[in-house]
Structure formats: C-alpha cells, structure tokens
Amino acid sequence: MSVQFLWQILTNGKYKSIIHRAVVNTKGTRISVGTAHGPNLDTVVGPAPELVGDDNPALYRAITYREYILLQQNNELDKNTCLERIRI
C-alpha cells in the first residue's frame, strides 16, 4: 500500500511528497521487505483542520483511507495521481 501522497494531503500541501528511491550498491545483495501500514481503512484522511482557514483553504477533499488506497492502485486508467483526483 502506498502512502506516497498521504503526508501532502494531511499537511494541506505544506510538505510535498517525494517518490521513494533506494540506492543499490555493487558490494552486496539488496533485500527489500514490503509492509502494509496506514490507518484503519475507514479512517477519514484530509487536510488537518489546524492547517486550513480563511486565508489558507483546503487543497484536497477528505476521503477514507480505503478510497485513498483504491485511487493509488487505479491510477493507470487515466494517468492521474491520487492528488490530482482529490484536489479541490
């Protein structure tokens, strides 16, 4: 499960997400372990209320974590990122 853009949504765009990249060396074997992590699937994720106001409107609509994961997994259909799909 990808949480690539979750931080950007929660901070209302204040902190940008980057794509994770690993550095491979030629001296040893690299082992990767994928783990699923995140909030409960029914948790609503959206910009933190403290970061939204009259002078700083919400940039993203709130969605459940389940919807977020589905958007992350289905981005091949129209080549849009999750952020582009929930941007206000």
PDB file of N, CA and C in Angstrom:
ATOM      1  N   MET A   1       0.841  -1.181   0.000  1.00  0.00           N
ATOM      2  CA  MET A   1       0.000   0.000   0.000  1.00  0.00           C
ATOM      3  C   MET A   1       0.881   1.237   0.000  1.00  0.00           C
ATOM      4  N   SER A   2       0.574   2.133  -0.861  1.00  0.00           N
ATOM      5  CA  SER A   2       1.398   3.323  -0.990  1.00  0.00           C
ATOM      6  C   SER A   2       0.832   4.469  -0.172  1.00  0.00           C
ATOM      7  N   VAL A   3       1.681   5.080   0.617  1.00  0.00           N
ATOM      8  CA  VAL A   3       1.291   6.276   1.366  1.00  0.00           C
ATOM      9  C   VAL A   3       2.066   7.480   0.839  1.00  0.00           C
ATOM     10  N   GLN A   4       2.459   7.387  -0.418  1.00  0.00           N
ATOM     11  CA  GLN A   4       3.308   8.401  -1.033  1.00  0.00           C
ATOM     12  C   GLN A   4       2.757   9.816  -0.874  1.00  0.00           C
ATOM     13  N   PHE A   5       1.475  10.025  -1.105  1.00  0.00           N
ATOM     14  CA  PHE A   5       0.916  11.374  -1.084  1.00  0.00           C
ATOM     15  C   PHE A   5       0.148  11.683   0.201  1.00  0.00           C
ATOM     16  N   LEU A   6       0.047  10.734   1.102  1.00  0.00           N
ATOM     17  CA  LEU A   6      -0.756  10.930   2.310  1.00  0.00           C
ATOM     18  C   LEU A   6      -0.258  12.115   3.134  1.00  0.00           C
ATOM     19  N   TRP A   7       1.044  12.255   3.294  1.00  0.00           N
ATOM     20  CA  TRP A   7       1.609  13.358   4.083  1.00  0.00           C
ATOM     21  C   TRP A   7       1.253  14.701   3.459  1.00  0.00           C
ATOM     22  N   GLN A   8       1.282  14.773   2.130  1.00  0.00           N
ATOM     23  CA  GLN A   8       0.953  16.019   1.438  1.00  0.00           C
ATOM     24  C   GLN A   8      -0.521  16.378   1.655  1.00  0.00           C
ATOM     25  N   ILE A   9      -1.393  15.384   1.643  1.00  0.00           N
ATOM     26  CA  ILE A   9      -2.813  15.636   1.885  1.00  0.00           C
ATOM     27  C   ILE A   9      -3.028  16.125   3.307  1.00  0.00           C
ATOM     28  N   LEU A  10      -2.451  15.417   4.283  1.00  0.00           N
ATOM     29  CA  LEU A  10      -2.643  15.764   5.691  1.00  0.00           C
ATOM     30  C   LEU A  10      -2.113  17.153   6.033  1.00  0.00           C
ATOM     31  N   THR A  11      -1.044  17.584   5.357  1.00  0.00           N
ATOM     32  CA  THR A  11      -0.460  18.906   5.650  1.00  0.00           C
ATOM     33  C   THR A  11      -1.007  19.986   4.723  1.00  0.00           C
ATOM     34  N   ASN A  12      -2.045  19.668   3.941  1.00  0.00           N
ATOM     35  CA  ASN A  12      -2.673  20.617   3.018  1.00  0.00           C
ATOM     36  C   ASN A  12      -1.658  21.211   2.044  1.00  0.00           C
ATOM     37  N   GLY A  13      -0.744  20.370   1.600  1.00  0.00           N
ATOM     38  CA  GLY A  13       0.241  20.796   0.612  1.00  0.00           C
ATOM     39  C   GLY A  13       1.455  21.513   1.170  1.00  0.00           C
ATOM     40  N   LYS A  14       1.518  21.689   2.488  1.00  0.00           N
ATOM     41  CA  LYS A  14       2.655  22.391   3.088  1.00  0.00           C
ATOM     42  C   LYS A  14       3.947  21.592   2.897  1.00  0.00           C
ATOM     43  N   TYR A  15       3.860  20.285   3.056  1.00  0.00           N
ATOM     44  CA  TYR A  15       5.012  19.409   2.848  1.00  0.00           C
ATOM     45  C   TYR A  15       4.737  18.524   1.643  1.00  0.00           C
ATOM     46  N   LYS A  16       5.624  18.526   0.691  1.00  0.00           N
ATOM     47  CA  LYS A  16       5.459  17.759  -0.535  1.00  0.00           C
ATOM     48  C   LYS A  16       5.971  16.332  -0.350  1.00  0.00           C
ATOM     49  N   SER A  17       5.319  15.414  -1.021  1.00  0.00           N
ATOM     50  CA  SER A  17       5.744  14.012  -1.026  1.00  0.00           C
ATOM     51  C   SER A  17       6.747  13.801  -2.145  1.00  0.00           C
ATOM     52  N   ILE A  18       7.643  12.877  -1.927  1.00  0.00           N
ATOM     53  CA  ILE A  18       8.589  12.512  -2.975  1.00  0.00           C
ATOM     54  C   ILE A  18       8.484  11.019  -3.220  1.00  0.00           C
ATOM     55  N   ILE A  19       8.905  10.605  -4.385  1.00  0.00           N
ATOM     56  CA  ILE A  19       8.913   9.177  -4.698  1.00  0.00           C
ATOM     57  C   ILE A  19      10.125   8.552  -4.027  1.00  0.00           C
ATOM     58  N   HIS A  20       9.899   7.458  -3.312  1.00  0.00           N
ATOM     59  CA  HIS A  20      10.984   6.775  -2.616  1.00  0.00           C
ATOM     60  C   HIS A  20      11.905   6.112  -3.630  1.00  0.00           C
ATOM     61  N   ARG A  21      13.175   6.317  -3.443  1.00  0.00           N
ATOM     62  CA  ARG A  21      14.166   5.663  -4.307  1.00  0.00           C
ATOM     63  C   ARG A  21      15.225   5.036  -3.416  1.00  0.00           C
ATOM     64  N   ALA A  22      15.602   3.833  -3.746  1.00  0.00           N
ATOM     65  CA  ALA A  22      16.645   3.136  -2.999  1.00  0.00           C
ATOM     66  C   ALA A  22      17.947   3.180  -3.790  1.00  0.00           C
ATOM     67  N   VAL A  23      19.043   3.267  -3.071  1.00  0.00           N
ATOM     68  CA  VAL A  23      20.359   3.258  -3.706  1.00  0.00           C
ATOM     69  C   VAL A  23      20.903   1.836  -3.627  1.00  0.00           C
ATOM     70  N   VAL A  24      21.291   1.302  -4.758  1.00  0.00           N
ATOM     71  CA  VAL A  24      21.818  -0.056  -4.823  1.00  0.00           C
ATOM     72  C   VAL A  24      23.338   0.027  -4.910  1.00  0.00           C
ATOM     73  N   ASN A  25      24.003  -0.819  -4.148  1.00  0.00           N
ATOM     74  CA  ASN A  25      25.458  -0.870  -4.279  1.00  0.00           C
ATOM     75  C   ASN A  25      25.853  -2.207  -4.896  1.00  0.00           C
ATOM     76  N   THR A  26      27.039  -2.266  -5.421  1.00  0.00           N
ATOM     77  CA  THR A  26      27.502  -3.477  -6.102  1.00  0.00           C
ATOM     78  C   THR A  26      28.248  -4.428  -5.167  1.00  0.00           C
ATOM     79  N   LYS A  27      28.337  -4.090  -3.897  1.00  0.00           N
ATOM     80  CA  LYS A  27      29.117  -4.897  -2.955  1.00  0.00           C
ATOM     81  C   LYS A  27      28.291  -5.963  -2.238  1.00  0.00           C
ATOM     82  N   GLY A  28      26.986  -5.799  -2.232  1.00  0.00           N
ATOM     83  CA  GLY A  28      26.178  -6.771  -1.510  1.00  0.00           C
ATOM     84  C   GLY A  28      24.795  -6.899  -2.104  1.00  0.00           C
ATOM     85  N   THR A  29      24.090  -7.925  -1.686  1.00  0.00           N
ATOM     86  CA  THR A  29      22.737  -8.168  -2.149  1.00  0.00           C
ATOM     87  C   THR A  29      21.781  -7.257  -1.400  1.00  0.00           C
ATOM     88  N   ARG A  30      20.867  -6.666  -2.130  1.00  0.00           N
ATOM     89  CA  ARG A  30      19.862  -5.804  -1.514  1.00  0.00           C
ATOM     90  C   ARG A  30      18.603  -6.613  -1.272  1.00  0.00           C
ATOM     91  N   ILE A  31      18.069  -6.523  -0.074  1.00  0.00           N
ATOM     92  CA  ILE A  31      16.842  -7.217   0.275  1.00  0.00           C
ATOM     93  C   ILE A  31      15.808  -6.168   0.643  1.00  0.00           C
ATOM     94  N   SER A  32      14.629  -6.253   0.041  1.00  0.00           N
ATOM     95  CA  SER A  32      13.529  -5.336   0.349  1.00  0.00           C
ATOM     96  C   SER A  32      12.376  -6.131   0.932  1.00  0.00           C
ATOM     97  N   VAL A  33      11.734  -5.554   1.916  1.00  0.00           N
ATOM     98  CA  VAL A  33      10.571  -6.183   2.524  1.00  0.00           C
ATOM     99  C   VAL A  33       9.423  -5.180   2.438  1.00  0.00           C
ATOM    100  N   GLY A  34       8.383  -5.543   1.718  1.00  0.00           N
ATOM    101  CA  GLY A  34       7.210  -4.682   1.613  1.00  0.00           C
ATOM    102  C   GLY A  34       6.289  -4.904   2.795  1.00  0.00           C
ATOM    103  N   THR A  35       5.840  -3.839   3.389  1.00  0.00           N
ATOM    104  CA  THR A  35       4.913  -3.960   4.511  1.00  0.00           C
ATOM    105  C   THR A  35       3.730  -3.036   4.284  1.00  0.00           C
ATOM    106  N   ALA A  36       2.577  -3.481   4.693  1.00  0.00           N
ATOM    107  CA  ALA A  36       1.376  -2.658   4.621  1.00  0.00           C
ATOM    108  C   ALA A  36       1.259  -1.885   5.925  1.00  0.00           C
ATOM    109  N   HIS A  37       1.094  -0.588   5.811  1.00  0.00           N
ATOM    110  CA  HIS A  37       0.915   0.224   7.011  1.00  0.00           C
ATOM    111  C   HIS A  37       0.028   1.402   6.671  1.00  0.00           C
ATOM    112  N   GLY A  38      -0.648   1.901   7.654  1.00  0.00           N
ATOM    113  CA  GLY A  38      -1.543   3.030   7.468  1.00  0.00           C
ATOM    114  C   GLY A  38      -2.649   2.948   8.501  1.00  0.00           C
ATOM    115  N   PRO A  39      -3.537   3.923   8.472  1.00  0.00           N
ATOM    116  CA  PRO A  39      -4.636   3.918   9.438  1.00  0.00           C
ATOM    117  C   PRO A  39      -5.688   2.870   9.064  1.00  0.00           C
ATOM    118  N   ASN A  40      -6.680   2.708   9.910  1.00  0.00           N
ATOM    119  CA  ASN A  40      -7.812   1.844   9.628  1.00  0.00           C
ATOM    120  C   ASN A  40      -8.419   2.269   8.296  1.00  0.00           C
ATOM    121  N   LEU A  41      -8.900   1.329   7.503  1.00  0.00           N
ATOM    122  CA  LEU A  41      -9.419   1.636   6.167  1.00  0.00           C
ATOM    123  C   LEU A  41     -10.609   2.591   6.178  1.00  0.00           C
ATOM    124  N   ASP A  42     -11.341   2.670   7.293  1.00  0.00           N
ATOM    125  CA  ASP A  42     -12.494   3.571   7.371  1.00  0.00           C
ATOM    126  C   ASP A  42     -12.136   4.953   7.932  1.00  0.00           C
ATOM    127  N   THR A  43     -10.871   5.179   8.246  1.00  0.00           N
ATOM    128  CA  THR A  43     -10.428   6.480   8.758  1.00  0.00           C
ATOM    129  C   THR A  43     -10.520   7.528   7.653  1.00  0.00           C
ATOM    130  N   VAL A  44     -11.075   8.681   7.981  1.00  0.00           N
ATOM    131  CA  VAL A  44     -11.165   9.778   7.013  1.00  0.00           C
ATOM    132  C   VAL A  44      -9.853  10.548   7.048  1.00  0.00           C
ATOM    133  N   VAL A  45      -9.226  10.696   5.869  1.00  0.00           N
ATOM    134  CA  VAL A  45      -7.980  11.457   5.765  1.00  0.00           C
ATOM    135  C   VAL A  45      -8.246  12.698   4.917  1.00  0.00           C
ATOM    136  N   GLY A  46      -7.718  13.792   5.370  1.00  0.00           N
ATOM    137  CA  GLY A  46      -7.870  15.066   4.685  1.00  0.00           C
ATOM    138  C   GLY A  46      -6.953  16.067   5.343  1.00  0.00           C
ATOM    139  N   PRO A  47      -6.942  17.295   4.864  1.00  0.00           N
ATOM    140  CA  PRO A  47      -6.087  18.313   5.469  1.00  0.00           C
ATOM    141  C   PRO A  47      -6.410  18.499   6.952  1.00  0.00           C
ATOM    142  N   ALA A  48      -5.373  18.625   7.767  1.00  0.00           N
ATOM    143  CA  ALA A  48      -5.555  18.844   9.199  1.00  0.00           C
ATOM    144  C   ALA A  48      -6.275  20.177   9.414  1.00  0.00           C
ATOM    145  N   PRO A  49      -7.295  20.202  10.267  1.00  0.00           N
ATOM    146  CA  PRO A  49      -8.052  21.438  10.495  1.00  0.00           C
ATOM    147  C   PRO A  49      -7.167  22.624  10.896  1.00  0.00           C
ATOM    148  N   GLU A  50      -6.078  22.349  11.604  1.00  0.00           N
ATOM    149  CA  GLU A  50      -5.179  23.427  12.042  1.00  0.00           C
ATOM    150  C   GLU A  50      -4.461  24.089  10.874  1.00  0.00           C
ATOM    151  N   LEU A  51      -4.416  23.423   9.726  1.00  0.00           N
ATOM    152  CA  LEU A  51      -3.706  23.951   8.560  1.00  0.00           C
ATOM    153  C   LEU A  51      -4.638  24.517   7.496  1.00  0.00           C
ATOM    154  N   VAL A  52      -5.924  24.624   7.837  1.00  0.00           N
ATOM    155  CA  VAL A  52      -6.923  25.144   6.905  1.00  0.00           C
ATOM    156  C   VAL A  52      -7.619  26.326   7.568  1.00  0.00           C
ATOM    157  N   GLY A  53      -7.850  27.383   6.808  1.00  0.00           N
ATOM    158  CA  GLY A  53      -8.535  28.552   7.336  1.00  0.00           C
ATOM    159  C   GLY A  53      -8.969  29.468   6.205  1.00  0.00           C
ATOM    160  N   ASP A  54      -9.490  30.646   6.571  1.00  0.00           N
ATOM    161  CA  ASP A  54      -9.953  31.600   5.568  1.00  0.00           C
ATOM    162  C   ASP A  54      -8.846  32.007   4.608  1.00  0.00           C
ATOM    163  N   ASP A  55      -7.644  32.194   5.133  1.00  0.00           N
ATOM    164  CA  ASP A  55      -6.519  32.614   4.291  1.00  0.00           C
ATOM    165  C   ASP A  55      -5.756  31.431   3.696  1.00  0.00           C
ATOM    166  N   ASN A  56      -6.143  30.215   4.059  1.00  0.00           N
ATOM    167  CA  ASN A  56      -5.480  29.014   3.561  1.00  0.00           C
ATOM    168  C   ASN A  56      -6.521  27.908   3.365  1.00  0.00           C
ATOM    169  N   PRO A  57      -7.296  27.959   2.267  1.00  0.00           N
ATOM    170  CA  PRO A  57      -8.366  26.966   2.072  1.00  0.00           C
ATOM    171  C   PRO A  57      -7.810  25.563   1.844  1.00  0.00           C
ATOM    172  N   ALA A  58      -8.654  24.576   2.079  1.00  0.00           N
ATOM    173  CA  ALA A  58      -8.268  23.178   1.856  1.00  0.00           C
ATOM    174  C   ALA A  58      -7.945  22.972   0.383  1.00  0.00           C
ATOM    175  N   LEU A  59      -6.833  22.279   0.124  1.00  0.00           N
ATOM    176  CA  LEU A  59      -6.426  21.978  -1.247  1.00  0.00           C
ATOM    177  C   LEU A  59      -6.949  20.626  -1.714  1.00  0.00           C
ATOM    178  N   TYR A  60      -7.299  19.754  -0.752  1.00  0.00           N
ATOM    179  CA  TYR A  60      -7.740  18.395  -1.066  1.00  0.00           C
ATOM    180  C   TYR A  60      -9.015  18.081  -0.302  1.00  0.00           C
ATOM    181  N   ARG A  61      -9.893  17.292  -0.923  1.00  0.00           N
ATOM    182  CA  ARG A  61     -11.110  16.870  -0.225  1.00  0.00           C
ATOM    183  C   ARG A  61     -10.778  15.681   0.673  1.00  0.00           C
ATOM    184  N   ALA A  62     -11.525  15.539   1.737  1.00  0.00           N
ATOM    185  CA  ALA A  62     -11.322  14.420   2.657  1.00  0.00           C
ATOM    186  C   ALA A  62     -11.921  13.153   2.045  1.00  0.00           C
ATOM    187  N   ILE A  63     -11.206  12.039   2.202  1.00  0.00           N
ATOM    188  CA  ILE A  63     -11.669  10.734   1.722  1.00  0.00           C
ATOM    189  C   ILE A  63     -11.291   9.687   2.762  1.00  0.00           C
ATOM    190  N   THR A  64     -11.898   8.512   2.670  1.00  0.00           N
ATOM    191  CA  THR A  64     -11.496   7.447   3.587  1.00  0.00           C
ATOM    192  C   THR A  64     -10.158   6.874   3.112  1.00  0.00           C
ATOM    193  N   TYR A  65      -9.441   6.270   4.019  1.00  0.00           N
ATOM    194  CA  TYR A  65      -8.167   5.657   3.653  1.00  0.00           C
ATOM    195  C   TYR A  65      -8.384   4.554   2.615  1.00  0.00           C
ATOM    196  N   ARG A  66      -9.513   3.853   2.698  1.00  0.00           N
ATOM    197  CA  ARG A  66      -9.856   2.826   1.714  1.00  0.00           C
ATOM    198  C   ARG A  66      -9.947   3.451   0.315  1.00  0.00           C
ATOM    199  N   GLU A  67     -10.650   4.598   0.197  1.00  0.00           N
ATOM    200  CA  GLU A  67     -10.758   5.287  -1.097  1.00  0.00           C
ATOM    201  C   GLU A  67      -9.380   5.735  -1.584  1.00  0.00           C
ATOM    202  N   TYR A  68      -8.556   6.209  -0.658  1.00  0.00           N
ATOM    203  CA  TYR A  68      -7.203   6.645  -0.997  1.00  0.00           C
ATOM    204  C   TYR A  68      -6.397   5.493  -1.601  1.00  0.00           C
ATOM    205  N   ILE A  69      -6.440   4.332  -0.958  1.00  0.00           N
ATOM    206  CA  ILE A  69      -5.706   3.163  -1.444  1.00  0.00           C
ATOM    207  C   ILE A  69      -6.225   2.744  -2.816  1.00  0.00           C
ATOM    208  N   LEU A  70      -7.539   2.749  -2.994  1.00  0.00           N
ATOM    209  CA  LEU A  70      -8.108   2.393  -4.299  1.00  0.00           C
ATOM    210  C   LEU A  70      -7.654   3.374  -5.378  1.00  0.00           C
ATOM    211  N   LEU A  71      -7.620   4.660  -5.071  1.00  0.00           N
ATOM    212  CA  LEU A  71      -7.128   5.641  -6.041  1.00  0.00           C
ATOM    213  C   LEU A  71      -5.659   5.395  -6.374  1.00  0.00           C
ATOM    214  N   GLN A  72      -4.859   5.061  -5.367  1.00  0.00           N
ATOM    215  CA  GLN A  72      -3.442   4.776  -5.595  1.00  0.00           C
ATOM    216  C   GLN A  72      -3.273   3.571  -6.517  1.00  0.00           C
ATOM    217  N   GLN A  73      -4.099   2.571  -6.335  1.00  0.00           N
ATOM    218  CA  GLN A  73      -3.963   1.339  -7.104  1.00  0.00           C
ATOM    219  C   GLN A  73      -4.554   1.443  -8.505  1.00  0.00           C
ATOM    220  N   ASN A  74      -5.425   2.409  -8.752  1.00  0.00           N
ATOM    221  CA  ASN A  74      -6.106   2.524 -10.040  1.00  0.00           C
ATOM    222  C   ASN A  74      -5.639   3.706 -10.872  1.00  0.00           C
ATOM    223  N   ASN A  75      -4.468   4.256 -10.603  1.00  0.00           N
ATOM    224  CA  ASN A  75      -4.035   5.452 -11.315  1.00  0.00           C
ATOM    225  C   ASN A  75      -3.619   5.182 -12.754  1.00  0.00           C
ATOM    226  N   GLU A  76      -3.571   3.933 -13.197  1.00  0.00           N
ATOM    227  CA  GLU A  76      -3.184   3.627 -14.574  1.00  0.00           C
ATOM    228  C   GLU A  76      -4.302   3.935 -15.566  1.00  0.00           C
ATOM    229  N   LEU A  77      -5.537   4.057 -15.088  1.00  0.00           N
ATOM    230  CA  LEU A  77      -6.645   4.246 -16.004  1.00  0.00           C
ATOM    231  C   LEU A  77      -6.573   5.567 -16.755  1.00  0.00           C
ATOM    232  N   ASP A  78      -6.228   6.648 -16.079  1.00  0.00           N
ATOM    233  CA  ASP A  78      -6.182   7.946 -16.761  1.00  0.00           C
ATOM    234  C   ASP A  78      -4.879   8.702 -16.517  1.00  0.00           C
ATOM    235  N   LYS A  79      -3.892   8.022 -15.938  1.00  0.00           N
ATOM    236  CA  LYS A  79      -2.554   8.588 -15.704  1.00  0.00           C
ATOM    237  C   LYS A  79      -2.531   9.755 -14.716  1.00  0.00           C
ATOM    238  N   ASN A  80      -3.590   9.931 -13.922  1.00  0.00           N
ATOM    239  CA  ASN A  80      -3.604  10.971 -12.901  1.00  0.00           C
ATOM    240  C   ASN A  80      -3.160  10.394 -11.567  1.00  0.00           C
ATOM    241  N   THR A  81      -2.491  11.206 -10.773  1.00  0.00           N
ATOM    242  CA  THR A  81      -2.110  10.767  -9.436  1.00  0.00           C
ATOM    243  C   THR A  81      -3.310  10.883  -8.507  1.00  0.00           C
ATOM    244  N   CYS A  82      -3.190  10.295  -7.351  1.00  0.00           N
ATOM    245  CA  CYS A  82      -4.222  10.390  -6.327  1.00  0.00           C
ATOM    246  C   CYS A  82      -4.470  11.855  -5.984  1.00  0.00           C
ATOM    247  N   LEU A  83      -3.415  12.649  -5.874  1.00  0.00           N
ATOM    248  CA  LEU A  83      -3.559  14.062  -5.534  1.00  0.00           C
ATOM    249  C   LEU A  83      -4.388  14.809  -6.576  1.00  0.00           C
ATOM    250  N   GLU A  84      -4.146  14.521  -7.844  1.00  0.00           N
ATOM    251  CA  GLU A  84      -4.905  15.188  -8.905  1.00  0.00           C
ATOM    252  C   GLU A  84      -6.373  14.839  -8.844  1.00  0.00           C
ATOM    253  N   ARG A  85      -6.682  13.638  -8.381  1.00  0.00           N
ATOM    254  CA  ARG A  85      -8.083  13.196  -8.327  1.00  0.00           C
ATOM    255  C   ARG A  85      -8.852  13.791  -7.160  1.00  0.00           C
ATOM    256  N   ILE A  86      -8.170  14.171  -6.081  1.00  0.00           N
ATOM    257  CA  ILE A  86      -8.899  14.704  -4.925  1.00  0.00           C
ATOM    258  C   ILE A  86      -8.638  16.194  -4.699  1.00  0.00           C
ATOM    259  N   ARG A  87      -7.881  16.806  -5.590  1.00  0.00           N
ATOM    260  CA  ARG A  87      -7.617  18.250  -5.469  1.00  0.00           C
ATOM    261  C   ARG A  87      -8.924  19.028  -5.629  1.00  0.00           C
ATOM    262  N   ILE A  88      -9.115  20.025  -4.784  1.00  0.00           N
ATOM    263  CA  ILE A  88     -10.314  20.872  -4.826  1.00  0.00           C
ATOM    264  C   ILE A  88     -10.110  21.958  -5.871  1.00  0.00           C
TER     265      ILE A  88
END
